[in-house]
Protein backbone atom coordinates (compact mmCIF):
# COMPACT_ATOMS: atom_id res chain seq x y z
CA MET A 1 100.11 -61.63 -100.67
CA PRO A 2 99.40 -58.49 -102.64
CA PHE A 3 98.16 -58.81 -106.11
CA PHE A 4 97.06 -57.07 -109.18
CA GLY A 5 93.81 -58.37 -110.70
CA PHE A 6 91.04 -57.49 -113.16
CA ILE A 7 87.46 -58.91 -113.25
CA PRO A 8 87.53 -61.22 -116.26
CA SER A 9 84.63 -61.33 -118.69
CA ALA A 10 82.22 -64.44 -118.25
CA GLU A 11 83.73 -65.87 -121.39
CA LEU A 12 87.30 -65.86 -119.94
CA LEU A 13 86.38 -67.03 -116.62
CA SER A 14 84.49 -70.02 -118.18
CA SER A 15 87.45 -70.76 -120.36
CA ILE A 16 89.95 -70.89 -117.46
CA GLN A 17 87.53 -72.90 -115.20
CA THR A 18 86.64 -75.28 -118.14
CA ALA A 19 90.32 -76.04 -118.82
CA GLN A 20 90.82 -76.67 -115.14
CA GLY A 21 87.89 -79.06 -114.82
CA LYS A 22 89.17 -80.95 -117.99
CA LYS A 23 92.82 -81.00 -116.92
CA ASN A 24 92.81 -84.89 -116.80
CA SER A 25 90.51 -85.58 -119.74
CA SER A 26 91.76 -87.27 -122.81
CA GLU A 27 90.13 -84.81 -125.33
CA PRO A 28 92.64 -82.34 -126.83
CA LEU A 29 92.98 -79.24 -124.55
CA TYR A 30 95.28 -77.04 -126.71
CA PRO A 31 92.29 -75.16 -128.27
CA LEU A 32 91.13 -74.00 -124.80
CA ARG A 33 94.67 -73.00 -123.81
CA ASP A 34 94.97 -70.76 -127.00
CA LYS A 35 91.72 -69.21 -126.63
CA THR A 36 92.37 -68.48 -122.71
CA ALA A 37 95.75 -66.86 -123.63
CA LEU A 38 94.17 -64.66 -126.40
CA LEU A 39 91.45 -63.54 -124.17
CA ILE A 40 93.80 -62.71 -121.28
CA ASN A 41 95.80 -60.74 -123.68
CA GLU A 42 92.74 -58.72 -124.89
CA GLU A 43 91.25 -58.29 -121.46
CA ILE A 44 94.32 -57.31 -119.37
CA ILE A 45 95.11 -54.40 -121.70
CA ASP A 46 91.60 -53.22 -121.79
CA ALA A 47 91.50 -53.33 -117.96
CA ILE A 48 94.73 -51.51 -117.43
CA LEU A 49 94.60 -49.00 -120.25
CA THR A 50 91.47 -48.74 -122.49
CA GLU A 51 89.22 -48.49 -119.47
CA LEU A 52 91.39 -45.77 -117.89
CA VAL A 53 91.67 -43.56 -121.10
CA ARG A 54 88.05 -43.65 -121.36
CA ARG A 55 87.97 -41.66 -118.17
CA PHE A 56 90.23 -39.17 -119.47
CA PRO A 57 89.10 -36.07 -121.35
CA ALA A 58 90.13 -36.12 -125.12
CA SER A 59 93.85 -35.22 -125.48
CA ASP A 60 97.16 -36.30 -126.95
CA LYS A 61 97.85 -38.25 -123.71
CA ARG A 62 94.61 -40.33 -124.41
CA ASP A 63 95.62 -40.73 -127.98
CA THR A 64 99.06 -42.16 -126.96
CA ALA A 65 97.56 -44.54 -124.40
CA GLU A 66 95.06 -45.77 -126.95
CA LYS A 67 97.73 -46.39 -129.64
CA LEU A 68 99.81 -48.20 -126.89
CA ALA A 69 96.84 -50.39 -125.99
CA GLY A 70 96.39 -51.26 -129.71
CA TYR A 71 100.11 -51.96 -130.36
CA ILE A 72 100.39 -54.29 -127.47
CA LYS A 73 97.26 -56.28 -128.22
CA SER A 74 98.19 -56.76 -131.79
CA THR A 75 101.86 -57.39 -131.03
CA VAL A 76 101.11 -60.03 -128.44
CA ALA A 77 98.47 -61.70 -130.36
CA VAL A 78 100.63 -62.14 -133.42
CA LEU A 79 103.26 -63.44 -131.22
CA LEU A 80 101.07 -65.92 -129.40
CA LYS A 81 99.60 -67.34 -132.51
CA GLN A 82 103.19 -68.00 -133.69
CA LEU A 83 104.23 -69.56 -130.35
CA MET A 84 101.16 -71.72 -129.73
CA SER A 85 100.77 -74.98 -131.71
CA LYS A 86 98.98 -78.23 -131.50
CA SER A 87 100.46 -79.67 -128.27
CA SER A 88 100.01 -82.78 -126.15
CA ASN A 89 97.77 -82.60 -123.04
CA ASP A 90 100.88 -83.12 -120.99
CA VAL A 91 102.29 -79.87 -122.29
CA VAL A 92 99.03 -77.89 -122.11
CA LYS A 93 98.56 -78.94 -118.33
CA GLN A 94 101.43 -76.68 -117.49
CA SER A 95 99.68 -73.76 -119.16
CA ILE A 96 96.31 -74.83 -117.23
CA GLU A 97 98.18 -74.80 -113.91
CA PHE A 98 99.61 -71.26 -114.90
CA SER A 99 96.12 -69.98 -115.41
CA GLU A 100 95.13 -71.51 -112.04
CA LYS A 101 97.92 -69.38 -110.43
CA SER A 102 96.76 -66.42 -112.31
CA LEU A 103 93.15 -66.63 -110.75
CA PHE A 104 92.48 -64.88 -107.35
CA LYS A 105 89.47 -64.00 -105.13
CA ASP A 106 89.32 -60.36 -103.93
CA ALA A 107 87.89 -59.41 -100.51
CA GLU A 108 84.45 -59.35 -102.03
CA GLY A 109 84.60 -62.99 -103.41
CA ASN A 110 84.91 -61.80 -106.98
CA PHE A 111 87.28 -63.88 -109.31
CA ARG A 112 90.06 -61.65 -110.77
CA VAL A 113 92.77 -62.66 -113.35
CA GLY A 114 96.25 -61.25 -112.33
CA GLU A 115 99.54 -61.80 -110.73
CA HIS A 116 101.33 -61.54 -107.24
CA LEU A 117 103.10 -58.44 -106.87
CA ASP A 118 106.12 -57.23 -104.68
CA ALA A 119 104.36 -55.87 -101.37
CA SER A 120 106.38 -52.61 -101.63
CA LEU A 121 105.16 -51.77 -105.11
CA VAL A 122 101.54 -52.19 -104.14
CA THR A 123 101.93 -50.24 -101.06
CA ASN A 124 103.63 -47.27 -103.05
CA LEU A 125 100.81 -47.26 -105.76
CA LYS A 126 98.04 -47.40 -102.98
CA GLN A 127 99.74 -44.44 -101.03
CA SER A 128 99.93 -42.38 -104.41
CA TYR A 129 96.35 -42.99 -105.15
CA ALA A 130 95.38 -42.11 -101.54
CA GLU A 131 97.42 -38.94 -101.87
CA ILE A 132 95.83 -37.97 -105.15
CA LYS A 133 92.30 -38.64 -103.98
CA ALA A 134 93.01 -36.47 -100.90
CA GLY A 135 93.88 -33.70 -103.25
CA ASN A 136 97.56 -33.52 -102.33
CA ASP A 137 100.55 -33.18 -104.81
CA ILE A 138 102.56 -36.20 -105.45
CA ASN A 139 105.90 -37.23 -106.79
CA LYS A 140 105.24 -38.02 -110.38
CA ALA A 141 108.78 -39.44 -111.01
CA ALA A 142 108.14 -41.99 -108.29
CA LEU A 143 104.68 -42.88 -109.66
CA THR A 144 106.16 -43.16 -112.98
CA GLU A 145 108.84 -45.60 -111.67
CA SER A 146 106.30 -47.72 -109.98
CA TYR A 147 104.25 -48.09 -113.24
CA LYS A 148 107.33 -49.12 -115.08
CA GLN A 149 107.94 -51.78 -112.31
CA PHE A 150 104.48 -52.86 -112.59
CA ALA A 151 104.66 -53.17 -116.37
CA GLU A 152 107.95 -55.28 -116.07
CA ALA A 153 106.25 -57.68 -113.60
CA THR A 154 103.11 -57.99 -115.85
CA VAL A 155 105.24 -58.82 -119.02
CA ARG A 156 107.43 -61.08 -117.11
CA HIS A 157 104.30 -63.13 -115.69
CA PHE A 158 101.85 -62.88 -118.60
CA MET A 159 104.42 -63.27 -121.51
CA SER A 160 107.76 -64.65 -120.17
CA ASP A 161 106.58 -67.09 -117.39
CA PHE A 162 103.51 -68.08 -119.54
CA ASN A 163 105.59 -68.69 -122.60
CA LYS A 164 107.67 -71.20 -120.53
CA THR A 165 104.71 -73.51 -120.34
CA LEU A 166 104.58 -73.90 -124.16
CA ASP A 167 107.62 -76.24 -124.62
CA LEU A 168 109.14 -73.88 -127.16
CA GLY A 169 112.13 -74.70 -129.42
CA MET A 170 115.18 -72.50 -129.66
CA ILE A 171 113.99 -70.32 -132.32
CA LYS A 172 110.35 -69.76 -130.88
CA ARG A 173 112.06 -69.16 -127.55
CA LYS A 174 114.12 -66.48 -129.11
CA ALA A 175 111.08 -64.83 -130.77
CA ALA A 176 109.18 -64.97 -127.44
CA ASP A 177 112.04 -63.08 -125.52
CA LEU A 178 112.29 -60.54 -128.28
CA GLY A 179 108.61 -59.96 -128.23
CA ALA A 180 108.44 -59.54 -124.41
CA ALA A 181 111.42 -57.08 -124.74
CA ALA A 182 109.52 -55.05 -127.40
CA VAL A 183 106.36 -54.84 -125.32
CA THR A 184 108.41 -53.71 -122.16
CA LYS A 185 110.21 -51.12 -124.07
CA ALA A 186 107.11 -49.60 -125.84
CA VAL A 187 105.23 -49.49 -122.32
CA HIS A 188 108.25 -47.75 -120.69
CA ILE A 189 108.29 -45.11 -123.43
CA ALA A 190 104.60 -44.58 -123.06
CA VAL A 191 104.70 -44.40 -119.28
CA ASP A 192 107.43 -41.76 -119.55
CA LYS A 193 105.19 -39.59 -121.99
CA ILE A 194 101.96 -40.24 -120.07
CA ILE A 195 102.35 -40.27 -116.35
CA PRO A 196 104.53 -36.97 -115.76
CA ASN A 197 102.19 -35.05 -118.10
CA LEU A 198 98.96 -36.06 -116.22
CA ASN A 199 96.86 -32.99 -115.03
CA LYS A 200 94.82 -33.09 -111.75
CA ALA A 201 91.69 -34.39 -113.18
CA GLU A 202 93.47 -37.18 -115.11
CA LEU A 203 95.63 -38.22 -112.00
CA ARG A 204 92.28 -38.45 -110.08
CA ALA A 205 90.73 -40.51 -112.74
CA LEU A 206 93.85 -42.78 -112.60
CA ALA A 207 93.86 -43.03 -108.73
CA GLU A 208 90.12 -43.82 -108.56
CA TYR A 209 90.04 -46.48 -111.22
CA HIS A 210 93.51 -48.23 -110.77
CA ASP A 211 93.06 -48.34 -106.98
CA THR A 212 90.45 -51.05 -107.60
CA LEU A 213 92.93 -53.17 -109.45
CA PHE A 214 95.64 -53.51 -106.84
CA HIS A 215 94.95 -55.52 -103.62
CA ALA A 216 97.18 -55.44 -100.59
């Protein structure tokens, strides 16, 4: 099944695998869950956005993308710290199982952290990247829409679905839903500002780098 995935740092991969190995132990596992969730938030934004804009020449698009990366990181980190609390291992096990489902191996055997995606979305993105790399003009409106769909799927997986594993009360659940909606809205606004205005060099940087993150 097609998926998006970035190569995690040694620290993140170790955190996920340690939690998996200790799933049935009696020691408190919530500190490992908290550390893993915060690291995923940091690294997924770096993988999708920060690493991409480093490949762009300096411009207002680069500034917009860097601000967005900072905004999402801080918003999600604050929210996670509010939502995550001391939990029994029975509750934490749900989060560990969630992280197991978010760990993939690519064709080269590398571990990647990510999510399953709709096959047509991955196909559309891959076709756009191939066209860009071939030097052809592409439909930027269609590419913009694909990135919005990808953003929605990623927020749904790493925020909404993950938050369901935390055994939240009603007030925290409401805060979690509002946080996910705020991040989705911010990304949509930024995608509308960035993608339609990319020049050929920036589109090529996008295609060459992001092509490595989507696996058919």
